[in-house]
Amino acid sequence: DFQLNSNEILGVVGESGSGKSVSSLAIMGLLPKRISSI
């Protein structure tokens, strides 16, 4: 759960494999179709 407010810079940190990029790809609708599921 998180929110990004208007006119804000929100930092997402964590080591490699923590899920940062996967979460952002979901927001963009870019998760690979055949091997991933929301």
Full PDB file with SEQRES, HELIX, SHEET, SSBOND, CRYST1, ORIGX, SCALE, CONECT and MASTER records, all heavy atoms in Angstrom:
SEQRES   1 A   38  ASP PHE GLN LEU ASN SER ASN GLU ILE LEU GLY VAL VAL          
SEQRES   2 A   38  GLY GLU SER GLY SER GLY LYS SER VAL SER SER LEU ALA          
SEQRES   3 A   38  ILE MET GLY LEU LEU PRO LYS ARG ILE SER SER ILE              
HELIX    1 AA1 LYS A   20  MET A   28  1                                   9    
CRYST1    1.000    1.000    1.000  90.00  90.00  90.00 P 1           1          
ORIGX1      1.000000  0.000000  0.000000        0.00000                         
ORIGX2      0.000000  1.000000  0.000000        0.00000                         
ORIGX3      0.000000  0.000000  1.000000        0.00000                         
SCALE1      1.000000  0.000000  0.000000        0.00000                         
SCALE2      0.000000  1.000000  0.000000        0.00000                         
SCALE3      0.000000  0.000000  1.000000        0.00000                         
ATOM      1  N   ASP A   1       0.847  -1.198   0.000  1.00  0.00           N  
ATOM      2  CA  ASP A   1       0.000   0.000   0.000  1.00  0.00           C  
ATOM      3  C   ASP A   1       0.877   1.241   0.000  1.00  0.00           C  
ATOM      4  O   ASP A   1       1.761   1.367   0.847  1.00  0.00           O  
ATOM      5  CB  ASP A   1      -0.848   0.069   1.289  1.00  0.00           C  
ATOM      6  CG  ASP A   1      -2.066  -0.820   1.236  1.00  0.00           C  
ATOM      7  OD1 ASP A   1      -2.955  -0.554   0.426  1.00  0.00           O  
ATOM      8  OD2 ASP A   1      -2.108  -1.790   2.021  1.00  0.00           O  
ATOM      9  N   PHE A   2       0.657   2.148  -0.962  1.00  0.00           N  
ATOM     10  CA  PHE A   2       1.310   3.460  -0.889  1.00  0.00           C  
ATOM     11  C   PHE A   2       0.579   4.430  -1.802  1.00  0.00           C  
ATOM     12  O   PHE A   2      -0.237   4.031  -2.629  1.00  0.00           O  
ATOM     13  CB  PHE A   2       2.799   3.380  -1.242  1.00  0.00           C  
ATOM     14  CG  PHE A   2       3.113   3.099  -2.693  1.00  0.00           C  
ATOM     15  CD1 PHE A   2       3.224   4.132  -3.627  1.00  0.00           C  
ATOM     16  CD2 PHE A   2       3.307   1.787  -3.138  1.00  0.00           C  
ATOM     17  CE1 PHE A   2       3.526   3.867  -4.953  1.00  0.00           C  
ATOM     18  CE2 PHE A   2       3.610   1.521  -4.469  1.00  0.00           C  
ATOM     19  CZ  PHE A   2       3.717   2.571  -5.382  1.00  0.00           C  
ATOM     20  N   GLN A   3       0.873   5.715  -1.633  1.00  0.00           N  
ATOM     21  CA  GLN A   3       0.288   6.716  -2.518  1.00  0.00           C  
ATOM     22  C   GLN A   3       1.357   7.718  -2.936  1.00  0.00           C  
ATOM     23  O   GLN A   3       2.315   7.964  -2.208  1.00  0.00           O  
ATOM     24  CB  GLN A   3      -0.904   7.412  -1.853  1.00  0.00           C  
ATOM     25  CG  GLN A   3      -0.561   8.219  -0.605  1.00  0.00           C  
ATOM     26  CD  GLN A   3      -1.813   8.803   0.037  1.00  0.00           C  
ATOM     27  OE1 GLN A   3      -2.834   8.119   0.183  1.00  0.00           O  
ATOM     28  NE2 GLN A   3      -1.733  10.068   0.440  1.00  0.00           N  
ATOM     29  N   LEU A   4       1.181   8.249  -4.138  1.00  0.00           N  
ATOM     30  CA  LEU A   4       2.052   9.300  -4.663  1.00  0.00           C  
ATOM     31  C   LEU A   4       1.204  10.549  -4.783  1.00  0.00           C  
ATOM     32  O   LEU A   4       0.187  10.555  -5.477  1.00  0.00           O  
ATOM     33  CB  LEU A   4       2.613   8.887  -6.032  1.00  0.00           C  
ATOM     34  CG  LEU A   4       3.470   9.919  -6.781  1.00  0.00           C  
ATOM     35  CD1 LEU A   4       4.756  10.227  -6.009  1.00  0.00           C  
ATOM     36  CD2 LEU A   4       3.810   9.418  -8.178  1.00  0.00           C  
ATOM     37  N   ASN A   5       1.598  11.596  -4.080  1.00  0.00           N  
ATOM     38  CA  ASN A   5       0.810  12.820  -4.066  1.00  0.00           C  
ATOM     39  C   ASN A   5       1.165  13.737  -5.234  1.00  0.00           C  
ATOM     40  O   ASN A   5       2.208  13.578  -5.874  1.00  0.00           O  
ATOM     41  CB  ASN A   5       1.027  13.562  -2.737  1.00  0.00           C  
ATOM     42  CG  ASN A   5       0.558  12.736  -1.560  1.00  0.00           C  
ATOM     43  OD1 ASN A   5      -0.581  12.291  -1.520  1.00  0.00           O  
ATOM     44  ND2 ASN A   5       1.449  12.498  -0.609  1.00  0.00           N  
ATOM     45  N   SER A   6       0.296  14.678  -5.485  1.00  0.00           N  
ATOM     46  CA  SER A   6       0.532  15.663  -6.536  1.00  0.00           C  
ATOM     47  C   SER A   6       1.750  16.505  -6.173  1.00  0.00           C  
ATOM     48  O   SER A   6       1.933  16.893  -5.011  1.00  0.00           O  
ATOM     49  CB  SER A   6      -0.707  16.561  -6.652  1.00  0.00           C  
ATOM     50  OG  SER A   6      -0.524  17.497  -7.668  1.00  0.00           O  
ATOM     51  N   ASN A   7       2.634  16.774  -7.169  1.00  0.00           N  
ATOM     52  CA  ASN A   7       3.815  17.625  -6.981  1.00  0.00           C  
ATOM     53  C   ASN A   7       4.731  17.094  -5.870  1.00  0.00           C  
ATOM     54  O   ASN A   7       5.178  17.835  -5.006  1.00  0.00           O  
ATOM     55  CB  ASN A   7       3.363  19.062  -6.675  1.00  0.00           C  
ATOM     56  CG  ASN A   7       4.524  20.048  -6.689  1.00  0.00           C  
ATOM     57  OD1 ASN A   7       5.577  19.773  -7.271  1.00  0.00           O  
ATOM     58  ND2 ASN A   7       4.341  21.175  -6.040  1.00  0.00           N  
ATOM     59  N   GLU A   8       5.018  15.786  -5.917  1.00  0.00           N  
ATOM     60  CA  GLU A   8       5.850  15.158  -4.880  1.00  0.00           C  
ATOM     61  C   GLU A   8       6.882  14.229  -5.516  1.00  0.00           C  
ATOM     62  O   GLU A   8       6.656  13.655  -6.577  1.00  0.00           O  
ATOM     63  CB  GLU A   8       4.953  14.341  -3.941  1.00  0.00           C  
ATOM     64  CG  GLU A   8       5.746  13.591  -2.870  1.00  0.00           C  
ATOM     65  CD  GLU A   8       4.884  12.652  -2.025  1.00  0.00           C  
ATOM     66  OE1 GLU A   8       4.025  11.951  -2.608  1.00  0.00           O  
ATOM     67  OE2 GLU A   8       5.081  12.620  -0.809  1.00  0.00           O  
ATOM     68  N   ILE A   9       8.050  14.111  -4.858  1.00  0.00           N  
ATOM     69  CA  ILE A   9       9.037  13.108  -5.255  1.00  0.00           C  
ATOM     70  C   ILE A   9       9.055  12.037  -4.165  1.00  0.00           C  
ATOM     71  O   ILE A   9       9.382  12.310  -3.011  1.00  0.00           O  
ATOM     72  CB  ILE A   9      10.450  13.712  -5.437  1.00  0.00           C  
ATOM     73  CG1 ILE A   9      10.432  14.816  -6.503  1.00  0.00           C  
ATOM     74  CG2 ILE A   9      11.443  12.614  -5.838  1.00  0.00           C  
ATOM     75  CD1 ILE A   9      11.758  15.514  -6.723  1.00  0.00           C  
ATOM     76  N   LEU A  10       8.671  10.829  -4.554  1.00  0.00           N  
ATOM     77  CA  LEU A  10       8.612   9.701  -3.624  1.00  0.00           C  
ATOM     78  C   LEU A  10       9.746   8.735  -3.947  1.00  0.00           C  
ATOM     79  O   LEU A  10       9.846   8.234  -5.064  1.00  0.00           O  
ATOM     80  CB  LEU A  10       7.256   8.996  -3.754  1.00  0.00           C  
ATOM     81  CG  LEU A  10       7.029   7.741  -2.899  1.00  0.00           C  
ATOM     82  CD1 LEU A  10       7.039   8.077  -1.413  1.00  0.00           C  
ATOM     83  CD2 LEU A  10       5.714   7.062  -3.269  1.00  0.00           C  
ATOM     84  N   GLY A  11      10.623   8.489  -2.993  1.00  0.00           N  
ATOM     85  CA  GLY A  11      11.741   7.563  -3.183  1.00  0.00           C  
ATOM     86  C   GLY A  11      11.349   6.149  -2.781  1.00  0.00           C  
ATOM     87  O   GLY A  11      10.685   5.951  -1.762  1.00  0.00           O  
ATOM     88  N   VAL A  12      11.752   5.165  -3.591  1.00  0.00           N  
ATOM     89  CA  VAL A  12      11.524   3.749  -3.263  1.00  0.00           C  
ATOM     90  C   VAL A  12      12.893   3.086  -3.189  1.00  0.00           C  
ATOM     91  O   VAL A  12      13.614   3.040  -4.183  1.00  0.00           O  
ATOM     92  CB  VAL A  12      10.653   3.046  -4.328  1.00  0.00           C  
ATOM     93  CG1 VAL A  12      10.370   1.605  -3.916  1.00  0.00           C  
ATOM     94  CG2 VAL A  12       9.350   3.794  -4.548  1.00  0.00           C  
ATOM     95  N   VAL A  13      13.257   2.597  -2.000  1.00  0.00           N  
ATOM     96  CA  VAL A  13      14.587   2.004  -1.824  1.00  0.00           C  
ATOM     97  C   VAL A  13      14.493   0.556  -1.356  1.00  0.00           C  
ATOM     98  O   VAL A  13      13.478   0.117  -0.819  1.00  0.00           O  
ATOM     99  CB  VAL A  13      15.460   2.817  -0.825  1.00  0.00           C  
ATOM    100  CG1 VAL A  13      15.699   4.218  -1.332  1.00  0.00           C  
ATOM    101  CG2 VAL A  13      14.823   2.852   0.560  1.00  0.00           C  
ATOM    102  N   GLY A  14      15.567  -0.160  -1.568  1.00  0.00           N  
ATOM    103  CA  GLY A  14      15.644  -1.570  -1.187  1.00  0.00           C  
ATOM    104  C   GLY A  14      16.690  -2.246  -2.043  1.00  0.00           C  
ATOM    105  O   GLY A  14      17.034  -1.740  -3.121  1.00  0.00           O  
ATOM    106  N   GLU A  15      17.209  -3.377  -1.574  1.00  0.00           N  
ATOM    107  CA  GLU A  15      18.254  -4.059  -2.342  1.00  0.00           C  
ATOM    108  C   GLU A  15      17.669  -4.689  -3.606  1.00  0.00           C  
ATOM    109  O   GLU A  15      16.448  -4.748  -3.788  1.00  0.00           O  
ATOM    110  CB  GLU A  15      18.942  -5.109  -1.471  1.00  0.00           C  
ATOM    111  CG  GLU A  15      18.014  -6.184  -0.952  1.00  0.00           C  
ATOM    112  CD  GLU A  15      18.652  -7.019   0.153  1.00  0.00           C  
ATOM    113  OE1 GLU A  15      19.647  -7.707  -0.139  1.00  0.00           O  
ATOM    114  OE2 GLU A  15      18.154  -6.986   1.294  1.00  0.00           O  
ATOM    115  N   SER A  16      18.538  -5.159  -4.494  1.00  0.00           N  
ATOM    116  CA  SER A  16      18.099  -5.818  -5.729  1.00  0.00           C  
ATOM    117  C   SER A  16      17.198  -7.001  -5.385  1.00  0.00           C  
ATOM    118  O   SER A  16      17.525  -7.773  -4.478  1.00  0.00           O  
ATOM    119  CB  SER A  16      19.311  -6.316  -6.520  1.00  0.00           C  
ATOM    120  OG  SER A  16      20.080  -5.230  -6.954  1.00  0.00           O  
ATOM    121  N   GLY A  17      16.076  -7.131  -6.106  1.00  0.00           N  
ATOM    122  CA  GLY A  17      15.164  -8.252  -5.864  1.00  0.00           C  
ATOM    123  C   GLY A  17      14.112  -7.976  -4.815  1.00  0.00           C  
ATOM    124  O   GLY A  17      13.322  -8.862  -4.473  1.00  0.00           O  
ATOM    125  N   SER A  18      14.055  -6.738  -4.300  1.00  0.00           N  
ATOM    126  CA  SER A  18      13.069  -6.440  -3.245  1.00  0.00           C  
ATOM    127  C   SER A  18      11.676  -6.159  -3.815  1.00  0.00           C  
ATOM    128  O   SER A  18      10.705  -6.097  -3.068  1.00  0.00           O  
ATOM    129  CB  SER A  18      13.537  -5.251  -2.399  1.00  0.00           C  
ATOM    130  OG  SER A  18      13.709  -4.106  -3.209  1.00  0.00           O  
ATOM    131  N   GLY A  19      11.585  -5.944  -5.148  1.00  0.00           N  
ATOM    132  CA  GLY A  19      10.277  -5.750  -5.766  1.00  0.00           C  
ATOM    133  C   GLY A  19      10.014  -4.338  -6.261  1.00  0.00           C  
ATOM    134  O   GLY A  19       8.901  -4.023  -6.686  1.00  0.00           O  
ATOM    135  N   LYS A  20      11.042  -3.489  -6.245  1.00  0.00           N  
ATOM    136  CA  LYS A  20      10.864  -2.074  -6.636  1.00  0.00           C  
ATOM    137  C   LYS A  20      10.442  -1.952  -8.105  1.00  0.00           C  
ATOM    138  O   LYS A  20       9.441  -1.327  -8.429  1.00  0.00           O  
ATOM    139  CB  LYS A  20      12.172  -1.292  -6.412  1.00  0.00           C  
ATOM    140  CG  LYS A  20      12.773  -1.417  -5.021  1.00  0.00           C  
ATOM    141  CD  LYS A  20      13.994  -0.555  -4.840  1.00  0.00           C  
ATOM    142  CE  LYS A  20      15.138  -0.879  -5.793  1.00  0.00           C  
ATOM    143  NZ  LYS A  20      15.730  -2.205  -5.601  1.00  0.00           N  
ATOM    144  N   SER A  21      11.232  -2.549  -8.995  1.00  0.00           N  
ATOM    145  CA  SER A  21      10.971  -2.407 -10.439  1.00  0.00           C  
ATOM    146  C   SER A  21       9.684  -3.122 -10.855  1.00  0.00           C  
ATOM    147  O   SER A  21       8.933  -2.620 -11.701  1.00  0.00           O  
ATOM    148  CB  SER A  21      12.150  -2.956 -11.247  1.00  0.00           C  
ATOM    149  OG  SER A  21      13.300  -2.173 -11.019  1.00  0.00           O  
ATOM    150  N   VAL A  22       9.423  -4.294 -10.272  1.00  0.00           N  
ATOM    151  CA  VAL A  22       8.203  -5.054 -10.605  1.00  0.00           C  
ATOM    152  C   VAL A  22       6.960  -4.221 -10.284  1.00  0.00           C  
ATOM    153  O   VAL A  22       6.013  -4.161 -11.073  1.00  0.00           O  
ATOM    154  CB  VAL A  22       8.176  -6.407  -9.852  1.00  0.00           C  
ATOM    155  CG1 VAL A  22       6.813  -7.069  -9.970  1.00  0.00           C  
ATOM    156  CG2 VAL A  22       9.250  -7.336 -10.396  1.00  0.00           C  
ATOM    157  N   SER A  23       6.980  -3.542  -9.143  1.00  0.00           N  
ATOM    158  CA  SER A  23       5.843  -2.697  -8.743  1.00  0.00           C  
ATOM    159  C   SER A  23       5.636  -1.563  -9.740  1.00  0.00           C  
ATOM    160  O   SER A  23       4.496  -1.238 -10.103  1.00  0.00           O  
ATOM    161  CB  SER A  23       6.080  -2.107  -7.348  1.00  0.00           C  
ATOM    162  OG  SER A  23       6.355  -3.137  -6.421  1.00  0.00           O  
ATOM    163  N   SER A  24       6.755  -0.960 -10.196  1.00  0.00           N  
ATOM    164  CA  SER A  24       6.639   0.159 -11.143  1.00  0.00           C  
ATOM    165  C   SER A  24       6.157  -0.320 -12.515  1.00  0.00           C  
ATOM    166  O   SER A  24       5.397   0.378 -13.191  1.00  0.00           O  
ATOM    167  CB  SER A  24       7.973   0.898 -11.274  1.00  0.00           C  
ATOM    168  OG  SER A  24       8.944   0.082 -11.897  1.00  0.00           O  
ATOM    169  N   LEU A  25       6.567  -1.514 -12.934  1.00  0.00           N  
ATOM    170  CA  LEU A  25       6.105  -2.071 -14.207  1.00  0.00           C  
ATOM    171  C   LEU A  25       4.601  -2.340 -14.168  1.00  0.00           C  
ATOM    172  O   LEU A  25       3.903  -2.194 -15.176  1.00  0.00           O  
ATOM    173  CB  LEU A  25       6.868  -3.354 -14.545  1.00  0.00           C  
ATOM    174  CG  LEU A  25       8.351  -3.176 -14.939  1.00  0.00           C  
ATOM    175  CD1 LEU A  25       9.019  -4.534 -15.085  1.00  0.00           C  
ATOM    176  CD2 LEU A  25       8.495  -2.376 -16.219  1.00  0.00           C  
ATOM    177  N   ALA A  26       4.096  -2.732 -12.998  1.00  0.00           N  
ATOM    178  CA  ALA A  26       2.654  -2.963 -12.837  1.00  0.00           C  
ATOM    179  C   ALA A  26       1.887  -1.654 -13.034  1.00  0.00           C  
ATOM    180  O   ALA A  26       0.832  -1.625 -13.676  1.00  0.00           O  
ATOM    181  CB  ALA A  26       2.358  -3.550 -11.463  1.00  0.00           C  
ATOM    182  N   ILE A  27       2.429  -0.557 -12.503  1.00  0.00           N  
ATOM    183  CA  ILE A  27       1.780   0.757 -12.649  1.00  0.00           C  
ATOM    184  C   ILE A  27       1.717   1.156 -14.122  1.00  0.00           C  
ATOM    185  O   ILE A  27       0.735   1.712 -14.598  1.00  0.00           O  
ATOM    186  CB  ILE A  27       2.548   1.831 -11.831  1.00  0.00           C  
ATOM    187  CG1 ILE A  27       2.420   1.540 -10.323  1.00  0.00           C  
ATOM    188  CG2 ILE A  27       2.033   3.246 -12.143  1.00  0.00           C  
ATOM    189  CD1 ILE A  27       3.393   2.318  -9.451  1.00  0.00           C  
ATOM    190  N   MET A  28       2.770   0.808 -14.878  1.00  0.00           N  
ATOM    191  CA  MET A  28       2.845   1.156 -16.302  1.00  0.00           C  
ATOM    192  C   MET A  28       2.104   0.162 -17.198  1.00  0.00           C  
ATOM    193  O   MET A  28       2.021   0.359 -18.406  1.00  0.00           O  
ATOM    194  CB  MET A  28       4.319   1.204 -16.752  1.00  0.00           C  
ATOM    195  CG  MET A  28       5.127   2.332 -16.161  1.00  0.00           C  
ATOM    196  SD  MET A  28       4.664   3.947 -16.827  1.00  0.00           S  
ATOM    197  CE  MET A  28       5.278   3.836 -18.503  1.00  0.00           C  
ATOM    198  N   GLY A  29       1.588  -0.932 -16.605  1.00  0.00           N  
ATOM    199  CA  GLY A  29       0.940  -1.974 -17.407  1.00  0.00           C  
ATOM    200  C   GLY A  29       1.926  -2.728 -18.271  1.00  0.00           C  
ATOM    201  O   GLY A  29       1.598  -3.178 -19.371  1.00  0.00           O  
ATOM    202  N   LEU A  30       3.158  -2.879 -17.783  1.00  0.00           N  
ATOM    203  CA  LEU A  30       4.229  -3.505 -18.567  1.00  0.00           C  
ATOM    204  C   LEU A  30       4.695  -4.853 -18.011  1.00  0.00           C  
ATOM    205  O   LEU A  30       5.735  -5.365 -18.422  1.00  0.00           O  
ATOM    206  CB  LEU A  30       5.442  -2.553 -18.652  1.00  0.00           C  
ATOM    207  CG  LEU A  30       5.252  -1.289 -19.500  1.00  0.00           C  
ATOM    208  CD1 LEU A  30       6.458  -0.372 -19.362  1.00  0.00           C  
ATOM    209  CD2 LEU A  30       5.003  -1.637 -20.960  1.00  0.00           C  
ATOM    210  N   LEU A  31       3.936  -5.438 -17.097  1.00  0.00           N  
ATOM    211  CA  LEU A  31       4.302  -6.771 -16.603  1.00  0.00           C  
ATOM    212  C   LEU A  31       4.185  -7.783 -17.742  1.00  0.00           C  
ATOM    213  O   LEU A  31       3.243  -7.712 -18.538  1.00  0.00           O  
ATOM    214  CB  LEU A  31       3.384  -7.194 -15.450  1.00  0.00           C  
ATOM    215  CG  LEU A  31       3.598  -6.504 -14.098  1.00  0.00           C  
ATOM    216  CD1 LEU A  31       2.492  -6.919 -13.130  1.00  0.00           C  
ATOM    217  CD2 LEU A  31       4.964  -6.837 -13.504  1.00  0.00           C  
ATOM    218  N   PRO A  32       5.130  -8.728 -17.862  1.00  0.00           N  
ATOM    219  CA  PRO A  32       5.035  -9.734 -18.939  1.00  0.00           C  
ATOM    220  C   PRO A  32       3.760 -10.553 -18.827  1.00  0.00           C  
ATOM    221  O   PRO A  32       3.456 -11.106 -17.779  1.00  0.00           O  
ATOM    222  CB  PRO A  32       6.287 -10.595 -18.728  1.00  0.00           C  
ATOM    223  CG  PRO A  32       6.761 -10.295 -17.339  1.00  0.00           C  
ATOM    224  CD  PRO A  32       6.319  -8.924 -17.008  1.00  0.00           C  
ATOM    225  N   LYS A  33       3.000 -10.599 -19.911  1.00  0.00           N  
ATOM    226  CA  LYS A  33       1.634 -11.151 -19.883  1.00  0.00           C  
ATOM    227  C   LYS A  33       1.543 -12.621 -19.480  1.00  0.00           C  
ATOM    228  O   LYS A  33       0.745 -12.996 -18.652  1.00  0.00           O  
ATOM    229  CB  LYS A  33       0.967 -10.978 -21.263  1.00  0.00           C  
ATOM    230  CG  LYS A  33       0.818  -9.539 -21.708  1.00  0.00           C  
ATOM    231  CD  LYS A  33      -0.211  -8.806 -20.877  1.00  0.00           C  
ATOM    232  CE  LYS A  33      -0.338  -7.347 -21.313  1.00  0.00           C  
ATOM    233  NZ  LYS A  33      -0.955  -6.505 -20.306  1.00  0.00           N  
ATOM    234  N   ARG A  34       2.342 -13.473 -20.098  1.00  0.00           N  
ATOM    235  CA  ARG A  34       2.157 -14.921 -19.912  1.00  0.00           C  
ATOM    236  C   ARG A  34       2.729 -15.465 -18.606  1.00  0.00           C  
ATOM    237  O   ARG A  34       2.377 -16.553 -18.189  1.00  0.00           O  
ATOM    238  CB  ARG A  34       2.785 -15.678 -21.093  1.00  0.00           C  
ATOM    239  CG  ARG A  34       2.059 -15.460 -22.410  1.00  0.00           C  
ATOM    240  CD  ARG A  34       2.523 -16.449 -23.452  1.00  0.00           C  
ATOM    241  NE  ARG A  34       1.841 -16.234 -24.723  1.00  0.00           N  
ATOM    242  CZ  ARG A  34       2.340 -15.529 -25.724  1.00  0.00           C  
ATOM    243  NH1 ARG A  34       3.530 -14.984 -25.609  1.00  0.00           N  
ATOM    244  NH2 ARG A  34       1.665 -15.379 -26.850  1.00  0.00           N  
ATOM    245  N   ILE A  35       3.634 -14.732 -17.992  1.00  0.00           N  
ATOM    246  CA  ILE A  35       4.308 -15.302 -16.809  1.00  0.00           C  
ATOM    247  C   ILE A  35       4.048 -14.524 -15.521  1.00  0.00           C  
ATOM    248  O   ILE A  35       4.607 -14.840 -14.479  1.00  0.00           O  
ATOM    249  CB  ILE A  35       5.836 -15.410 -17.033  1.00  0.00           C  
ATOM    250  CG1 ILE A  35       6.443 -14.023 -17.310  1.00  0.00           C  
ATOM    251  CG2 ILE A  35       6.164 -16.382 -18.152  1.00  0.00           C  
ATOM    252  CD1 ILE A  35       7.949 -13.977 -17.202  1.00  0.00           C  
ATOM    253  N   SER A  36       3.204 -13.493 -15.588  1.00  0.00           N  
ATOM    254  CA  SER A  36       2.931 -12.716 -14.377  1.00  0.00           C  
ATOM    255  C   SER A  36       1.437 -12.499 -14.195  1.00  0.00           C  
ATOM    256  O   SER A  36       0.661 -12.590 -15.148  1.00  0.00           O  
ATOM    257  CB  SER A  36       3.646 -11.360 -14.442  1.00  0.00           C  
ATOM    258  OG  SER A  36       3.105 -10.579 -15.479  1.00  0.00           O  
ATOM    259  N   SER A  37       1.069 -12.204 -12.963  1.00  0.00           N  
ATOM    260  CA  SER A  37      -0.354 -12.013 -12.663  1.00  0.00           C  
ATOM    261  C   SER A  37      -0.509 -11.062 -11.478  1.00  0.00           C  
ATOM    262  O   SER A  37       0.182 -11.204 -10.466  1.00  0.00           O  
ATOM    263  CB  SER A  37      -0.984 -13.366 -12.328  1.00  0.00           C  
ATOM    264  OG  SER A  37      -2.253 -13.193 -11.744  1.00  0.00           O  
ATOM    265  N   ILE A  38      -1.417 -10.071 -11.631  1.00  0.00           N  
ATOM    266  CA  ILE A  38      -1.807  -9.247 -10.483  1.00  0.00           C  
ATOM    267  C   ILE A  38      -2.945  -9.993  -9.806  1.00  0.00           C  
ATOM    268  O   ILE A  38      -4.060 -10.052 -10.324  1.00  0.00           O  
ATOM    269  CB  ILE A  38      -2.232  -7.824 -10.921  1.00  0.00           C  
ATOM    270  CG1 ILE A  38      -1.026  -7.065 -11.501  1.00  0.00           C  
ATOM    271  CG2 ILE A  38      -2.831  -7.054  -9.743  1.00  0.00           C  
ATOM    272  CD1 ILE A  38      -1.338  -5.681 -12.025  1.00  0.00           C  
TER     273      ILE A  38                                                      
MASTER        0    0    0    1    0    0    0    6  272    1    0    3          
END                                                                             
